[in-house]
Amino acid sequence: MKRLTALVTASIMASLAPQAWAVDLDKPLKLPGTVTIVAFDQLEATALALHPGSTLLDTDLDEEYGKYLYQVELEDANGIEWEIELDALTGQVLKNHQET
């Protein structure tokens, strides 16, 4: 999962500037001159706390309409899949619903 997050982060950084970046996934991510995103590990922990005992299936960082969203897909102990959407700047839970 950290590998996927690192790949997403690397692709965002590569698109923002041509220089090399060192990324620590346990710390907030600062995008040059714009915003600071909550650490990915903290966002994942927030999502997992909503459904204790769940397993992370997928994560994705998106920018929609000028807002950074961190989307997490979980599977709980009963095999039910959940989609969690967090504001990547504040860590606030925006969506928490069962997959259909």
Protein backbone atom coordinates (compact mmCIF):
# COMPACT_ATOMS: atom_id res chain seq x y z
CA MET A 1 0.00 0.00 0.00
CA LYS A 2 2.85 2.40 0.80
CA ARG A 3 4.27 1.60 -2.63
CA LEU A 4 1.03 2.75 -4.31
CA THR A 5 0.98 5.89 -2.20
CA ALA A 6 4.62 6.56 -3.05
CA LEU A 7 3.88 6.13 -6.75
CA VAL A 8 0.94 8.55 -6.58
CA THR A 9 3.07 11.05 -4.67
CA ALA A 10 5.94 10.69 -7.12
CA SER A 11 3.66 11.28 -10.11
CA ILE A 12 2.20 14.42 -8.50
CA MET A 13 5.65 15.74 -7.66
CA ALA A 14 6.98 14.96 -11.13
CA SER A 15 4.15 16.93 -12.70
CA LEU A 16 4.75 19.96 -10.45
CA ALA A 17 8.47 20.53 -10.96
CA PRO A 18 11.37 19.01 -12.87
CA GLN A 19 13.58 18.68 -9.79
CA ALA A 20 14.12 15.58 -7.64
CA TRP A 21 12.01 15.16 -4.48
CA ALA A 22 12.50 13.18 -1.30
CA VAL A 23 9.16 12.13 0.21
CA ASP A 24 8.59 10.93 3.76
CA LEU A 25 5.12 9.36 3.80
CA ASP A 26 4.85 9.75 7.58
CA LYS A 27 4.98 13.55 7.38
CA PRO A 28 2.74 16.14 5.74
CA LEU A 29 3.41 16.67 2.05
CA LYS A 30 4.13 20.28 1.04
CA LEU A 31 3.33 21.12 -2.54
CA PRO A 32 5.48 24.00 -3.79
CA GLY A 33 3.88 27.36 -3.09
CA THR A 34 0.37 26.02 -2.68
CA VAL A 35 -0.84 23.63 0.02
CA THR A 36 0.22 21.16 2.70
CA ILE A 37 -1.44 17.74 2.61
CA VAL A 38 -1.92 15.69 5.79
CA ALA A 39 0.48 12.72 6.03
CA PHE A 40 -0.86 9.70 4.15
CA ASP A 41 -0.40 7.43 7.17
CA GLN A 42 -2.55 9.76 9.26
CA LEU A 43 -5.29 9.86 6.60
CA GLU A 44 -5.27 6.05 6.38
CA ALA A 45 -5.43 5.76 10.18
CA THR A 46 -8.48 8.06 10.22
CA ALA A 47 -10.23 5.89 7.62
CA LEU A 48 -9.35 2.64 9.42
CA ALA A 49 -10.64 4.04 12.74
CA LEU A 50 -14.11 4.35 11.17
CA HIS A 51 -14.21 0.57 10.59
CA PRO A 52 -11.96 -1.19 13.14
CA GLY A 53 -10.43 -4.45 11.93
CA SER A 54 -10.72 -3.43 8.27
CA THR A 55 -8.10 -3.96 5.59
CA LEU A 56 -6.97 -1.26 3.16
CA LEU A 57 -7.78 -2.23 -0.43
CA ASP A 58 -6.85 0.92 -2.34
CA THR A 59 -5.93 4.57 -1.83
CA ASP A 60 -5.94 7.49 -4.21
CA LEU A 61 -5.10 11.19 -3.99
CA ASP A 62 -7.12 13.34 -6.38
CA GLU A 63 -7.58 17.03 -7.03
CA GLU A 64 -11.16 17.96 -7.92
CA TYR A 65 -12.37 21.52 -8.40
CA GLY A 66 -9.34 22.88 -6.56
CA LYS A 67 -9.81 20.55 -3.56
CA TYR A 68 -7.43 17.71 -2.66
CA LEU A 69 -9.27 14.48 -1.79
CA TYR A 70 -7.81 11.29 -0.36
CA GLN A 71 -9.98 8.30 -1.21
CA VAL A 72 -9.65 5.04 0.68
CA GLU A 73 -11.32 1.71 -0.03
CA LEU A 74 -11.60 -0.71 2.90
CA GLU A 75 -12.92 -4.20 3.48
CA ASP A 76 -14.28 -4.86 6.96
CA ALA A 77 -14.18 -8.14 8.91
CA ASN A 78 -17.57 -9.12 7.40
CA GLY A 79 -16.31 -8.71 3.82
CA ILE A 80 -18.19 -5.45 3.28
CA GLU A 81 -16.35 -2.85 1.23
CA TRP A 82 -16.40 0.80 2.27
CA GLU A 83 -15.41 3.96 0.42
CA ILE A 84 -14.01 6.74 2.59
CA GLU A 85 -13.25 10.20 1.23
CA LEU A 86 -11.15 12.64 3.27
CA ASP A 87 -10.16 16.24 2.78
CA ALA A 88 -6.41 15.85 2.25
CA LEU A 89 -5.71 19.32 3.67
CA THR A 90 -7.61 18.94 6.94
CA GLY A 91 -8.13 15.19 7.38
CA GLN A 92 -11.90 15.74 7.74
CA VAL A 93 -14.08 12.78 6.69
CA LEU A 94 -16.24 13.88 3.77
CA LYS A 95 -17.76 10.55 2.77
CA ASN A 96 -18.11 7.17 4.46
CA HIS A 97 -20.39 4.79 2.60
CA GLN A 98 -20.75 1.13 1.81
CA GLU A 99 -19.87 0.04 -1.71
CA THR A 100 -22.76 -1.29 -3.75
